């Protein structure tokens, strides 16, 4: 995917697809910015704003990081990744657990 396609996929994934199934799957979050936090933190292995200096994050993230974050979200949609666990890891990275 080129950069524009990556960004479009990111927005569709986190603003439409994930929120639309969140409640039915019992996910701990339902808002786009929460999905974005979870996926970017887990892809980066640290709080995303420690590696992405400018906002919006998806526009300024390295392509490899954005690709990994998208892959994590897609895995969660397929039931191959545990979104609740990724949320806990994101919160742990932020010192909130």
C-alpha atoms as a PDB file:
ATOM      1  CA  UNK A   1       0.000   0.000   0.000  1.00  0.00           C
ATOM      2  CA  UNK A   2       1.145   3.507  -0.641  1.00  0.00           C
ATOM      3  CA  UNK A   3       0.987   6.158   2.082  1.00  0.00           C
ATOM      4  CA  UNK A   4      -2.442   7.458   1.124  1.00  0.00           C
ATOM      5  CA  UNK A   5      -3.874   3.934   1.082  1.00  0.00           C
ATOM      6  CA  UNK A   6      -2.338   3.218   4.500  1.00  0.00           C
ATOM      7  CA  UNK A   7      -3.873   6.342   5.998  1.00  0.00           C
ATOM      8  CA  UNK A   8      -7.265   5.626   4.443  1.00  0.00           C
ATOM      9  CA  UNK A   9      -7.157   2.039   5.734  1.00  0.00           C
ATOM     10  CA  UNK A  10      -6.211   3.303   9.214  1.00  0.00           C
ATOM     11  CA  UNK A  11      -9.122   5.726   9.339  1.00  0.00           C
ATOM     12  CA  UNK A  12     -11.656   3.189   8.033  1.00  0.00           C
ATOM     13  CA  UNK A  13     -10.399   0.568  10.488  1.00  0.00           C
ATOM     14  CA  UNK A  14     -10.351   2.754  13.597  1.00  0.00           C
ATOM     15  CA  UNK A  15     -13.280   5.078  12.856  1.00  0.00           C
ATOM     16  CA  UNK A  16     -15.724   2.627  11.282  1.00  0.00           C
ATOM     17  CA  UNK A  17     -14.923  -1.073  11.416  1.00  0.00           C
ATOM     18  CA  UNK A  18     -13.670  -1.463  14.974  1.00  0.00           C
ATOM     19  CA  UNK A  19     -16.258   0.832  16.604  1.00  0.00           C
ATOM     20  CA  UNK A  20     -19.073  -0.927  14.728  1.00  0.00           C
ATOM     21  CA  UNK A  21     -18.303  -4.284  16.368  1.00  0.00           C
ATOM     22  CA  UNK A  22     -16.929  -3.113  19.730  1.00  0.00           C
ATOM     23  CA  UNK A  23     -20.083  -3.488  21.809  1.00  0.00           C
ATOM     24  CA  UNK A  24     -21.112  -6.839  20.351  1.00  0.00           C
ATOM     25  CA  UNK A  25     -17.643  -8.239  21.077  1.00  0.00           C
ATOM     26  CA  UNK A  26     -17.511  -6.841  24.590  1.00  0.00           C
ATOM     27  CA  UNK A  27     -14.402  -4.778  23.853  1.00  0.00           C
ATOM     28  CA  UNK A  28     -13.380  -2.398  26.644  1.00  0.00           C
ATOM     29  CA  UNK A  29     -13.399   0.645  24.322  1.00  0.00           C
ATOM     30  CA  UNK A  30     -15.747   1.946  21.637  1.00  0.00           C
ATOM     31  CA  UNK A  31     -14.268   5.252  20.450  1.00  0.00           C
ATOM     32  CA  UNK A  32     -11.899   5.731  17.514  1.00  0.00           C
ATOM     33  CA  UNK A  33      -9.227   7.554  19.520  1.00  0.00           C
ATOM     34  CA  UNK A  34      -9.103   4.655  21.999  1.00  0.00           C
ATOM     35  CA  UNK A  35      -8.539   2.119  19.219  1.00  0.00           C
ATOM     36  CA  UNK A  36      -5.861   4.369  17.782  1.00  0.00           C
ATOM     37  CA  UNK A  37      -4.094   4.628  21.155  1.00  0.00           C
ATOM     38  CA  UNK A  38      -4.199   0.885  21.721  1.00  0.00           C
ATOM     39  CA  UNK A  39      -2.977  -0.075  18.263  1.00  0.00           C
ATOM     40  CA  UNK A  40      -0.230   2.536  18.031  1.00  0.00           C
ATOM     41  CA  UNK A  41       1.076   1.849  21.562  1.00  0.00           C
ATOM     42  CA  UNK A  42       1.203  -1.882  20.904  1.00  0.00           C
ATOM     43  CA  UNK A  43       2.820  -1.475  17.491  1.00  0.00           C
ATOM     44  CA  UNK A  44       5.440   0.866  18.950  1.00  0.00           C
ATOM     45  CA  UNK A  45       5.993  -1.156  22.132  1.00  0.00           C
ATOM     46  CA  UNK A  46       5.780   2.105  24.047  1.00  0.00           C
ATOM     47  CA  UNK A  47       3.545   5.133  24.329  1.00  0.00           C
ATOM     48  CA  UNK A  48       3.086   6.261  20.726  1.00  0.00           C
ATOM     49  CA  UNK A  49       3.878   9.905  21.324  1.00  0.00           C
ATOM     50  CA  UNK A  50       7.361   8.917  22.483  1.00  0.00           C
ATOM     51  CA  UNK A  51       8.125   7.887  18.889  1.00  0.00           C
ATOM     52  CA  UNK A  52       5.717  10.027  16.857  1.00  0.00           C
ATOM     53  CA  UNK A  53       6.453  13.665  17.450  1.00  0.00           C
ATOM     54  CA  UNK A  54       3.582  15.361  15.649  1.00  0.00           C
ATOM     55  CA  UNK A  55      -0.166  14.996  15.434  1.00  0.00           C
ATOM     56  CA  UNK A  56      -2.232  13.563  13.980  1.00  0.00           C
ATOM     57  CA  UNK A  57      -0.204  10.469  14.746  1.00  0.00           C
ATOM     58  CA  UNK A  58      -1.264   8.454  11.709  1.00  0.00           C
ATOM     59  CA  UNK A  59      -0.012  11.182   9.366  1.00  0.00           C
ATOM     60  CA  UNK A  60       3.394  11.368  11.016  1.00  0.00           C
ATOM     61  CA  UNK A  61       4.014   7.738  11.950  1.00  0.00           C
ATOM     62  CA  UNK A  62       6.649   5.789  10.054  1.00  0.00           C
ATOM     63  CA  UNK A  63       4.987   3.606   7.436  1.00  0.00           C
ATOM     64  CA  UNK A  64       6.278   0.456   9.131  1.00  0.00           C
ATOM     65  CA  UNK A  65       4.676   1.479  12.446  1.00  0.00           C
ATOM     66  CA  UNK A  66       1.369   2.359  10.816  1.00  0.00           C
ATOM     67  CA  UNK A  67       1.421  -0.922   8.891  1.00  0.00           C
ATOM     68  CA  UNK A  68       1.990  -2.862  12.121  1.00  0.00           C
ATOM     69  CA  UNK A  69      -0.784  -0.968  13.917  1.00  0.00           C
ATOM     70  CA  UNK A  70      -3.182  -1.729  11.069  1.00  0.00           C
ATOM     71  CA  UNK A  71      -2.190  -5.399  11.158  1.00  0.00           C
ATOM     72  CA  UNK A  72      -2.962  -5.534  14.895  1.00  0.00           C
ATOM     73  CA  UNK A  73      -6.388  -3.990  14.339  1.00  0.00           C
ATOM     74  CA  UNK A  74      -7.181  -6.362  11.515  1.00  0.00           C
ATOM     75  CA  UNK A  75      -6.084  -9.309  13.668  1.00  0.00           C
ATOM     76  CA  UNK A  76      -8.422  -8.119  16.428  1.00  0.00           C
ATOM     77  CA  UNK A  77     -11.290  -7.940  13.929  1.00  0.00           C
ATOM     78  CA  UNK A  78     -10.553 -11.507  12.817  1.00  0.00           C
ATOM     79  CA  UNK A  79     -10.471 -12.670  16.436  1.00  0.00           C
ATOM     80  CA  UNK A  80      -6.760 -13.496  16.206  1.00  0.00           C
ATOM     81  CA  UNK A  81      -5.600 -10.796  18.638  1.00  0.00           C
ATOM     82  CA  UNK A  82      -7.059  -9.945  22.037  1.00  0.00           C
ATOM     83  CA  UNK A  83      -8.066  -6.293  22.028  1.00  0.00           C
ATOM     84  CA  UNK A  84      -8.700  -6.294  25.793  1.00  0.00           C
ATOM     85  CA  UNK A  85      -5.152  -7.535  26.385  1.00  0.00           C
ATOM     86  CA  UNK A  86      -3.756  -4.926  24.005  1.00  0.00           C
ATOM     87  CA  UNK A  87      -5.699  -2.276  25.926  1.00  0.00           C
ATOM     88  CA  UNK A  88      -4.202  -3.495  29.217  1.00  0.00           C
ATOM     89  CA  UNK A  89      -0.724  -3.355  27.696  1.00  0.00           C
ATOM     90  CA  UNK A  90      -1.330   0.189  26.445  1.00  0.00           C
ATOM     91  CA  UNK A  91      -2.524   1.260  29.882  1.00  0.00           C
ATOM     92  CA  UNK A  92       0.461  -0.476  31.501  1.00  0.00           C
ATOM     93  CA  UNK A  93       2.843   1.390  29.198  1.00  0.00           C
ATOM     94  CA  UNK A  94       1.170   4.616  30.303  1.00  0.00           C
ATOM     95  CA  UNK A  95       1.482   3.785  33.994  1.00  0.00           C
ATOM     96  CA  UNK A  96      -2.279   3.467  34.425  1.00  0.00           C
ATOM     97  CA  UNK A  97      -2.260  -0.175  35.552  1.00  0.00           C
END
